[in-house]
């Protein structure tokens, strides 16, 4: 059984959806360690930084506030996992999402990455890239990609 699972979430709703998927796969939790991670984009991309607008660092107020808000948004997913018998925590990283998820998972000794997929069209994926596609191509760990349900058009 998987003992260390990383849920890579894109916000509160995604975190809850993925946490519920993990609960369905491992109904009794079994004491597995689950980390719900959200990766925030850097406020000023390093390529755009100048002496007038240097990149923000971990101690800057904007990053600290963003991380605090992200942690708070992930707490309901953590709480749901804990109620199901998992040892769950939340964490936030800053950087390029695909790269950070791969780095975090491998450095943390995780055995499985669970992440969502929005189902962008092929053109959108080519133009914007796909985080799930990046992770699938750059990690040696098993990855469970959970497709987001299609949105109903009004």
N, C-alpha and C. Protein backbone atom coordinates (compact mmCIF):
# COMPACT_ATOMS: atom_id res chain seq x y z
N UNK A 1 0.84 -1.19 0.00
CA UNK A 1 0.00 0.00 0.00
C UNK A 1 0.88 1.25 0.00
N UNK A 2 0.40 2.27 -0.65
CA UNK A 2 1.12 3.54 -0.70
C UNK A 2 1.11 4.18 0.69
N UNK A 3 2.28 4.55 1.18
CA UNK A 3 2.38 5.18 2.50
C UNK A 3 2.65 6.68 2.44
N UNK A 4 3.11 7.19 1.28
CA UNK A 4 3.38 8.63 1.13
C UNK A 4 2.79 9.08 -0.20
N UNK A 5 1.76 9.91 -0.11
CA UNK A 5 1.02 10.36 -1.29
C UNK A 5 1.06 11.88 -1.35
N UNK A 6 1.35 12.40 -2.52
CA UNK A 6 1.36 13.84 -2.74
C UNK A 6 0.17 14.19 -3.62
N UNK A 7 -0.71 15.06 -3.11
CA UNK A 7 -1.80 15.60 -3.91
C UNK A 7 -1.36 16.98 -4.37
N UNK A 8 -1.22 17.14 -5.68
CA UNK A 8 -0.84 18.43 -6.26
C UNK A 8 -2.11 19.11 -6.73
N UNK A 9 -2.55 20.11 -5.98
CA UNK A 9 -3.85 20.75 -6.23
C UNK A 9 -3.70 22.15 -6.79
N UNK A 10 -4.70 22.53 -7.56
CA UNK A 10 -4.76 23.88 -8.12
C UNK A 10 -5.94 24.61 -7.47
N UNK A 11 -5.79 24.93 -6.20
CA UNK A 11 -6.84 25.65 -5.48
C UNK A 11 -7.69 24.75 -4.60
N UNK A 12 -8.61 25.39 -3.88
CA UNK A 12 -9.42 24.71 -2.87
C UNK A 12 -10.34 23.64 -3.45
N UNK A 13 -11.07 23.97 -4.51
CA UNK A 13 -12.02 23.01 -5.08
C UNK A 13 -11.29 21.79 -5.63
N UNK A 14 -10.17 22.02 -6.29
CA UNK A 14 -9.39 20.92 -6.84
C UNK A 14 -8.84 20.05 -5.71
N UNK A 15 -8.38 20.67 -4.64
CA UNK A 15 -7.84 19.92 -3.50
C UNK A 15 -8.90 19.01 -2.89
N UNK A 16 -10.11 19.52 -2.72
CA UNK A 16 -11.19 18.70 -2.17
C UNK A 16 -11.54 17.54 -3.09
N UNK A 17 -11.62 17.82 -4.38
CA UNK A 17 -11.95 16.78 -5.35
C UNK A 17 -10.90 15.68 -5.35
N UNK A 18 -9.64 16.06 -5.31
CA UNK A 18 -8.57 15.07 -5.31
C UNK A 18 -8.48 14.32 -3.98
N UNK A 19 -8.74 15.01 -2.87
CA UNK A 19 -8.76 14.34 -1.56
C UNK A 19 -9.86 13.28 -1.53
N UNK A 20 -11.01 13.60 -2.10
CA UNK A 20 -12.11 12.63 -2.14
C UNK A 20 -11.76 11.44 -3.02
N UNK A 21 -11.02 11.68 -4.07
CA UNK A 21 -10.57 10.57 -4.92
C UNK A 21 -9.65 9.65 -4.14
N UNK A 22 -8.71 10.22 -3.39
CA UNK A 22 -7.80 9.41 -2.59
C UNK A 22 -8.58 8.62 -1.54
N UNK A 23 -9.58 9.25 -0.93
CA UNK A 23 -10.42 8.54 0.06
C UNK A 23 -11.14 7.37 -0.57
N UNK A 24 -11.61 7.53 -1.81
CA UNK A 24 -12.30 6.43 -2.49
C UNK A 24 -11.34 5.29 -2.81
N UNK A 25 -10.11 5.62 -3.16
CA UNK A 25 -9.13 4.59 -3.50
C UNK A 25 -8.62 3.85 -2.28
N UNK A 26 -8.48 4.57 -1.18
CA UNK A 26 -7.98 3.98 0.07
C UNK A 26 -8.99 4.34 1.16
N UNK A 27 -10.13 3.63 1.22
CA UNK A 27 -11.23 4.04 2.09
C UNK A 27 -10.88 4.15 3.58
N UNK A 28 -9.95 3.35 4.06
CA UNK A 28 -9.68 3.37 5.50
C UNK A 28 -8.44 4.17 5.86
N UNK A 29 -7.82 4.80 4.90
CA UNK A 29 -6.67 5.65 5.19
C UNK A 29 -5.41 4.89 5.53
N UNK A 30 -5.52 3.96 6.45
CA UNK A 30 -4.39 3.13 6.84
C UNK A 30 -3.21 3.90 7.40
N UNK A 31 -3.43 5.13 7.83
CA UNK A 31 -2.34 5.92 8.39
C UNK A 31 -1.36 6.44 7.36
N UNK A 32 -1.71 6.36 6.09
CA UNK A 32 -0.82 6.87 5.05
C UNK A 32 -0.62 8.38 5.21
N UNK A 33 0.57 8.84 4.89
CA UNK A 33 0.90 10.26 4.94
C UNK A 33 0.51 10.89 3.61
N UNK A 34 -0.34 11.93 3.66
CA UNK A 34 -0.76 12.64 2.45
C UNK A 34 -0.45 14.11 2.64
N UNK A 35 0.22 14.68 1.65
CA UNK A 35 0.48 16.12 1.64
C UNK A 35 -0.32 16.73 0.50
N UNK A 36 -1.09 17.75 0.82
CA UNK A 36 -1.82 18.50 -0.20
C UNK A 36 -0.98 19.72 -0.51
N UNK A 37 -0.49 19.79 -1.74
CA UNK A 37 0.45 20.83 -2.15
C UNK A 37 -0.18 21.73 -3.20
N UNK A 38 0.03 23.02 -3.05
CA UNK A 38 -0.32 23.97 -4.11
C UNK A 38 0.94 24.73 -4.47
N UNK A 39 1.18 24.88 -5.77
CA UNK A 39 2.34 25.63 -6.23
C UNK A 39 1.85 26.97 -6.75
N UNK A 40 2.39 28.03 -6.16
CA UNK A 40 2.05 29.39 -6.57
C UNK A 40 3.08 29.89 -7.57
N UNK A 41 2.61 30.58 -8.58
CA UNK A 41 3.52 31.19 -9.55
C UNK A 41 4.25 32.34 -8.88
N UNK A 42 5.51 32.55 -9.22
CA UNK A 42 6.21 33.69 -8.64
C UNK A 42 5.57 34.99 -9.08
N UNK A 43 5.40 35.97 -8.17
CA UNK A 43 4.76 37.23 -8.53
C UNK A 43 5.49 37.97 -9.64
N UNK A 44 6.81 37.94 -9.62
CA UNK A 44 7.61 38.55 -10.69
C UNK A 44 8.49 37.45 -11.25
N UNK A 45 8.16 36.96 -12.45
CA UNK A 45 8.99 35.89 -13.02
C UNK A 45 10.45 36.33 -13.09
N UNK A 46 11.38 35.42 -12.76
CA UNK A 46 12.81 35.78 -12.75
C UNK A 46 13.27 36.39 -14.07
N UNK A 47 12.72 35.94 -15.20
CA UNK A 47 13.15 36.46 -16.50
C UNK A 47 12.77 37.93 -16.68
N UNK A 48 11.77 38.39 -15.93
CA UNK A 48 11.31 39.78 -16.06
C UNK A 48 11.88 40.69 -14.98
N UNK A 49 12.64 40.14 -14.06
CA UNK A 49 13.15 40.98 -12.98
C UNK A 49 14.24 41.92 -13.49
N UNK A 50 14.26 43.09 -12.91
CA UNK A 50 15.25 44.11 -13.23
C UNK A 50 15.66 44.73 -11.90
N UNK A 51 16.67 45.58 -11.90
CA UNK A 51 17.01 46.27 -10.64
C UNK A 51 15.83 47.08 -10.10
N UNK A 52 14.92 47.51 -11.00
CA UNK A 52 13.76 48.27 -10.54
C UNK A 52 12.65 47.37 -10.01
N UNK A 53 12.59 46.13 -10.48
CA UNK A 53 11.57 45.17 -10.04
C UNK A 53 12.23 43.82 -9.82
N UNK A 54 13.00 43.68 -8.75
CA UNK A 54 13.69 42.40 -8.51
C UNK A 54 12.68 41.32 -8.15
N UNK A 55 13.05 40.04 -8.35
CA UNK A 55 12.14 38.97 -7.99
C UNK A 55 11.91 38.96 -6.48
N UNK A 56 10.70 38.59 -6.08
CA UNK A 56 10.41 38.51 -4.66
C UNK A 56 11.06 37.27 -4.07
N UNK A 57 11.43 37.35 -2.80
CA UNK A 57 12.03 36.22 -2.11
C UNK A 57 11.10 35.77 -1.01
N UNK A 58 11.43 34.64 -0.38
CA UNK A 58 10.54 34.01 0.59
C UNK A 58 10.10 34.92 1.73
N UNK A 59 10.88 35.92 2.09
CA UNK A 59 10.51 36.78 3.20
C UNK A 59 9.62 37.96 2.83
N UNK A 60 9.36 38.16 1.55
CA UNK A 60 8.56 39.31 1.12
C UNK A 60 7.10 39.13 1.50
N UNK A 61 6.46 40.26 1.89
CA UNK A 61 5.09 40.23 2.38
C UNK A 61 4.11 39.63 1.38
N UNK A 62 4.26 39.94 0.10
CA UNK A 62 3.34 39.44 -0.91
C UNK A 62 3.37 37.92 -0.99
N UNK A 63 4.57 37.35 -0.94
CA UNK A 63 4.68 35.89 -0.96
C UNK A 63 4.14 35.27 0.32
N UNK A 64 4.45 35.87 1.45
CA UNK A 64 3.98 35.34 2.74
C UNK A 64 2.46 35.35 2.78
N UNK A 65 1.84 36.43 2.33
CA UNK A 65 0.38 36.52 2.31
C UNK A 65 -0.22 35.50 1.34
N UNK A 66 0.36 35.36 0.16
CA UNK A 66 -0.12 34.38 -0.81
C UNK A 66 -0.04 32.96 -0.29
N UNK A 67 1.06 32.64 0.37
CA UNK A 67 1.22 31.30 0.93
C UNK A 67 0.23 31.05 2.06
N UNK A 68 0.02 32.04 2.91
CA UNK A 68 -0.94 31.89 4.01
C UNK A 68 -2.35 31.66 3.48
N UNK A 69 -2.73 32.42 2.47
CA UNK A 69 -4.06 32.24 1.87
C UNK A 69 -4.20 30.87 1.23
N UNK A 70 -3.17 30.42 0.53
CA UNK A 70 -3.22 29.11 -0.12
C UNK A 70 -3.32 28.00 0.93
N UNK A 71 -2.56 28.10 2.00
CA UNK A 71 -2.62 27.08 3.07
C UNK A 71 -4.04 27.01 3.66
N UNK A 72 -4.63 28.17 3.89
CA UNK A 72 -5.98 28.21 4.46
C UNK A 72 -6.99 27.56 3.51
N UNK A 73 -6.83 27.81 2.21
CA UNK A 73 -7.74 27.21 1.24
C UNK A 73 -7.63 25.69 1.17
N UNK A 74 -6.46 25.15 1.49
CA UNK A 74 -6.25 23.71 1.41
C UNK A 74 -6.68 22.97 2.68
N UNK A 75 -6.94 23.69 3.75
CA UNK A 75 -7.27 23.05 5.03
C UNK A 75 -8.50 22.14 4.98
N UNK A 76 -9.59 22.50 4.28
CA UNK A 76 -10.73 21.57 4.24
C UNK A 76 -10.37 20.21 3.63
N UNK A 77 -9.51 20.18 2.63
CA UNK A 77 -9.08 18.91 2.04
C UNK A 77 -8.25 18.12 3.06
N UNK A 78 -7.36 18.81 3.76
CA UNK A 78 -6.56 18.16 4.80
C UNK A 78 -7.46 17.57 5.88
N UNK A 79 -8.45 18.36 6.32
CA UNK A 79 -9.35 17.90 7.38
C UNK A 79 -10.15 16.69 6.94
N UNK A 80 -10.60 16.69 5.70
CA UNK A 80 -11.36 15.55 5.19
C UNK A 80 -10.50 14.28 5.16
N UNK A 81 -9.25 14.42 4.78
CA UNK A 81 -8.35 13.27 4.77
C UNK A 81 -8.08 12.77 6.19
N UNK A 82 -7.89 13.69 7.12
CA UNK A 82 -7.64 13.29 8.51
C UNK A 82 -8.84 12.52 9.08
N UNK A 83 -10.05 12.97 8.76
CA UNK A 83 -11.24 12.28 9.23
C UNK A 83 -11.33 10.87 8.69
N UNK A 84 -10.69 10.61 7.55
CA UNK A 84 -10.72 9.29 6.92
C UNK A 84 -9.55 8.42 7.37
N UNK A 85 -8.75 8.88 8.32
CA UNK A 85 -7.67 8.06 8.86
C UNK A 85 -6.30 8.28 8.24
N UNK A 86 -6.16 9.33 7.44
CA UNK A 86 -4.86 9.66 6.87
C UNK A 86 -4.12 10.62 7.79
N UNK A 87 -2.81 10.59 7.75
CA UNK A 87 -2.00 11.63 8.39
C UNK A 87 -1.80 12.67 7.29
N UNK A 88 -2.48 13.79 7.38
CA UNK A 88 -2.50 14.75 6.29
C UNK A 88 -1.98 16.11 6.73
N UNK A 89 -1.33 16.78 5.77
CA UNK A 89 -0.83 18.13 5.99
C UNK A 89 -0.95 18.90 4.69
N UNK A 90 -0.78 20.21 4.78
CA UNK A 90 -0.79 21.05 3.58
C UNK A 90 0.57 21.73 3.46
N UNK A 91 0.92 22.07 2.23
CA UNK A 91 2.14 22.81 2.00
C UNK A 91 1.98 23.65 0.74
N UNK A 92 2.80 24.67 0.64
CA UNK A 92 2.75 25.57 -0.51
C UNK A 92 4.18 25.77 -0.99
N UNK A 93 4.35 25.73 -2.31
CA UNK A 93 5.65 26.00 -2.92
C UNK A 93 5.46 27.13 -3.92
N UNK A 94 6.55 27.77 -4.30
CA UNK A 94 6.49 28.83 -5.30
C UNK A 94 7.45 28.49 -6.43
N UNK A 95 6.96 28.62 -7.65
CA UNK A 95 7.80 28.33 -8.81
C UNK A 95 6.95 27.88 -9.98
N UNK A 96 7.59 27.24 -10.94
CA UNK A 96 6.88 26.69 -12.08
C UNK A 96 6.21 25.40 -11.62
N UNK A 97 4.87 25.29 -11.75
CA UNK A 97 4.15 24.17 -11.14
C UNK A 97 4.70 22.79 -11.47
N UNK A 98 4.90 22.46 -12.73
CA UNK A 98 5.38 21.12 -13.07
C UNK A 98 6.71 20.79 -12.44
N UNK A 99 7.65 21.74 -12.54
CA UNK A 99 8.98 21.53 -11.97
C UNK A 99 8.93 21.37 -10.45
N UNK A 100 8.14 22.22 -9.80
CA UNK A 100 8.06 22.18 -8.34
C UNK A 100 7.41 20.89 -7.85
N UNK A 101 6.36 20.44 -8.54
CA UNK A 101 5.70 19.19 -8.14
C UNK A 101 6.68 18.03 -8.23
N UNK A 102 7.40 17.93 -9.33
CA UNK A 102 8.38 16.85 -9.50
C UNK A 102 9.46 16.91 -8.43
N UNK A 103 10.01 18.10 -8.22
CA UNK A 103 11.07 18.27 -7.22
C UNK A 103 10.58 17.91 -5.83
N UNK A 104 9.42 18.43 -5.47
CA UNK A 104 8.85 18.21 -4.14
C UNK A 104 8.61 16.72 -3.89
N UNK A 105 8.02 16.06 -4.88
CA UNK A 105 7.68 14.64 -4.74
C UNK A 105 8.92 13.77 -4.60
N UNK A 106 9.92 14.04 -5.41
CA UNK A 106 11.12 13.22 -5.36
C UNK A 106 11.94 13.50 -4.10
N UNK A 107 12.06 14.76 -3.71
CA UNK A 107 12.82 15.07 -2.49
C UNK A 107 12.10 14.61 -1.24
N UNK A 108 10.76 14.56 -1.29
CA UNK A 108 9.99 14.16 -0.11
C UNK A 108 9.78 12.67 0.03
N UNK A 109 10.30 11.89 -0.91
CA UNK A 109 10.16 10.43 -0.81
C UNK A 109 8.74 9.94 -1.02
N UNK A 110 7.95 10.65 -1.80
CA UNK A 110 6.57 10.23 -2.05
C UNK A 110 6.55 9.04 -3.00
N UNK A 111 5.50 8.24 -2.89
CA UNK A 111 5.35 7.04 -3.71
C UNK A 111 4.33 7.22 -4.82
N UNK A 112 3.48 8.25 -4.71
CA UNK A 112 2.43 8.48 -5.69
C UNK A 112 2.12 9.96 -5.74
N UNK A 113 1.91 10.48 -6.96
CA UNK A 113 1.45 11.85 -7.15
C UNK A 113 0.03 11.77 -7.68
N UNK A 114 -0.89 12.49 -7.04
CA UNK A 114 -2.28 12.57 -7.49
C UNK A 114 -2.51 14.01 -7.90
N UNK A 115 -2.97 14.21 -9.13
CA UNK A 115 -3.20 15.57 -9.60
C UNK A 115 -4.37 15.60 -10.56
N UNK A 116 -4.87 16.79 -10.78
CA UNK A 116 -6.02 16.96 -11.66
C UNK A 116 -5.59 17.37 -13.06
N UNK A 117 -6.58 17.30 -13.92
CA UNK A 117 -6.39 17.74 -15.31
C UNK A 117 -7.67 18.43 -15.72
N UNK A 118 -7.53 19.65 -16.21
CA UNK A 118 -8.71 20.43 -16.58
C UNK A 118 -9.33 20.01 -17.89
N UNK A 119 -8.58 19.33 -18.73
CA UNK A 119 -9.12 18.94 -20.01
C UNK A 119 -9.10 20.07 -21.02
N UNK A 120 -7.99 20.82 -21.04
CA UNK A 120 -7.84 21.86 -22.03
C UNK A 120 -7.88 21.24 -23.42
N UNK A 121 -8.29 21.99 -24.39
CA UNK A 121 -8.24 21.51 -25.76
C UNK A 121 -6.79 21.38 -26.21
N UNK A 122 -6.57 20.66 -27.30
CA UNK A 122 -5.20 20.44 -27.79
C UNK A 122 -4.48 21.76 -28.07
N UNK A 123 -5.17 22.72 -28.67
CA UNK A 123 -4.53 23.99 -28.98
C UNK A 123 -4.13 24.72 -27.69
N UNK A 124 -5.01 24.72 -26.70
CA UNK A 124 -4.69 25.36 -25.42
C UNK A 124 -3.49 24.68 -24.77
N UNK A 125 -3.44 23.35 -24.83
CA UNK A 125 -2.31 22.64 -24.22
C UNK A 125 -1.01 22.98 -24.93
N UNK A 126 -1.05 23.11 -26.26
CA UNK A 126 0.15 23.45 -27.01
C UNK A 126 0.61 24.86 -26.65
N UNK A 127 -0.33 25.80 -26.56
CA UNK A 127 0.02 27.18 -26.27
C UNK A 127 0.37 27.42 -24.81
N UNK A 128 -0.40 26.84 -23.90
CA UNK A 128 -0.22 27.10 -22.48
C UNK A 128 0.60 26.04 -21.76
N UNK A 129 0.69 24.86 -22.36
CA UNK A 129 1.36 23.76 -21.68
C UNK A 129 0.40 23.11 -20.71
N UNK A 130 0.75 21.95 -20.26
CA UNK A 130 -0.09 21.22 -19.33
C UNK A 130 0.78 20.76 -18.17
N UNK A 131 0.40 21.12 -16.97
CA UNK A 131 1.17 20.73 -15.79
C UNK A 131 1.17 19.21 -15.65
N UNK A 132 0.01 18.59 -15.83
CA UNK A 132 -0.05 17.13 -15.69
C UNK A 132 0.83 16.44 -16.73
N UNK A 133 0.84 16.96 -17.95
CA UNK A 133 1.69 16.40 -18.99
C UNK A 133 3.16 16.54 -18.62
N UNK A 134 3.54 17.69 -18.09
CA UNK A 134 4.92 17.92 -17.67
C UNK A 134 5.32 16.90 -16.60
N UNK A 135 4.47 16.75 -15.58
CA UNK A 135 4.80 15.84 -14.48
C UNK A 135 4.91 14.41 -15.01
N UNK A 136 3.99 13.99 -15.86
CA UNK A 136 4.06 12.64 -16.42
C UNK A 136 5.38 12.39 -17.15
N UNK A 137 5.88 13.40 -17.81
CA UNK A 137 7.11 13.23 -18.60
C UNK A 137 8.40 13.37 -17.78
N UNK A 138 8.32 14.01 -16.61
CA UNK A 138 9.55 14.33 -15.89
C UNK A 138 9.72 13.65 -14.53
N UNK A 139 8.83 12.79 -14.14
CA UNK A 139 9.01 12.08 -12.87
C UNK A 139 9.05 10.58 -13.12
N UNK A 140 9.73 9.90 -12.25
CA UNK A 140 9.77 8.43 -12.30
C UNK A 140 8.69 7.82 -11.42
N UNK A 141 8.00 8.65 -10.67
CA UNK A 141 6.97 8.17 -9.74
C UNK A 141 5.68 7.88 -10.48
N UNK A 142 4.85 6.99 -9.95
CA UNK A 142 3.52 6.81 -10.52
C UNK A 142 2.69 8.08 -10.32
N UNK A 143 1.89 8.40 -11.33
CA UNK A 143 1.05 9.60 -11.29
C UNK A 143 -0.37 9.20 -11.60
N UNK A 144 -1.30 9.57 -10.73
CA UNK A 144 -2.72 9.38 -10.98
C UNK A 144 -3.28 10.73 -11.41
N UNK A 145 -3.74 10.81 -12.66
CA UNK A 145 -4.31 12.05 -13.18
C UNK A 145 -5.82 11.90 -13.17
N UNK A 146 -6.49 12.79 -12.45
CA UNK A 146 -7.93 12.74 -12.30
C UNK A 146 -8.53 13.84 -13.17
N UNK A 147 -9.26 13.42 -14.18
CA UNK A 147 -9.88 14.36 -15.11
C UNK A 147 -10.98 15.14 -14.41
N UNK A 148 -11.00 16.44 -14.61
CA UNK A 148 -12.06 17.27 -14.07
C UNK A 148 -13.34 17.00 -14.84
N UNK A 149 -14.45 16.95 -14.15
CA UNK A 149 -15.74 16.72 -14.82
C UNK A 149 -16.01 17.89 -15.77
N UNK A 150 -16.60 17.61 -16.94
CA UNK A 150 -16.89 18.70 -17.87
C UNK A 150 -17.89 19.68 -17.28
N UNK A 151 -17.67 20.96 -17.57
CA UNK A 151 -18.54 22.01 -17.08
C UNK A 151 -19.79 22.08 -17.95
N UNK A 152 -20.93 22.23 -17.32
CA UNK A 152 -22.20 22.36 -18.04
C UNK A 152 -22.31 23.80 -18.56
N UNK A 153 -22.63 23.94 -19.83
CA UNK A 153 -22.78 25.28 -20.40
C UNK A 153 -24.22 25.75 -20.23
N UNK A 154 -24.36 27.00 -19.82
CA UNK A 154 -25.70 27.55 -19.58
C UNK A 154 -26.33 28.07 -20.84
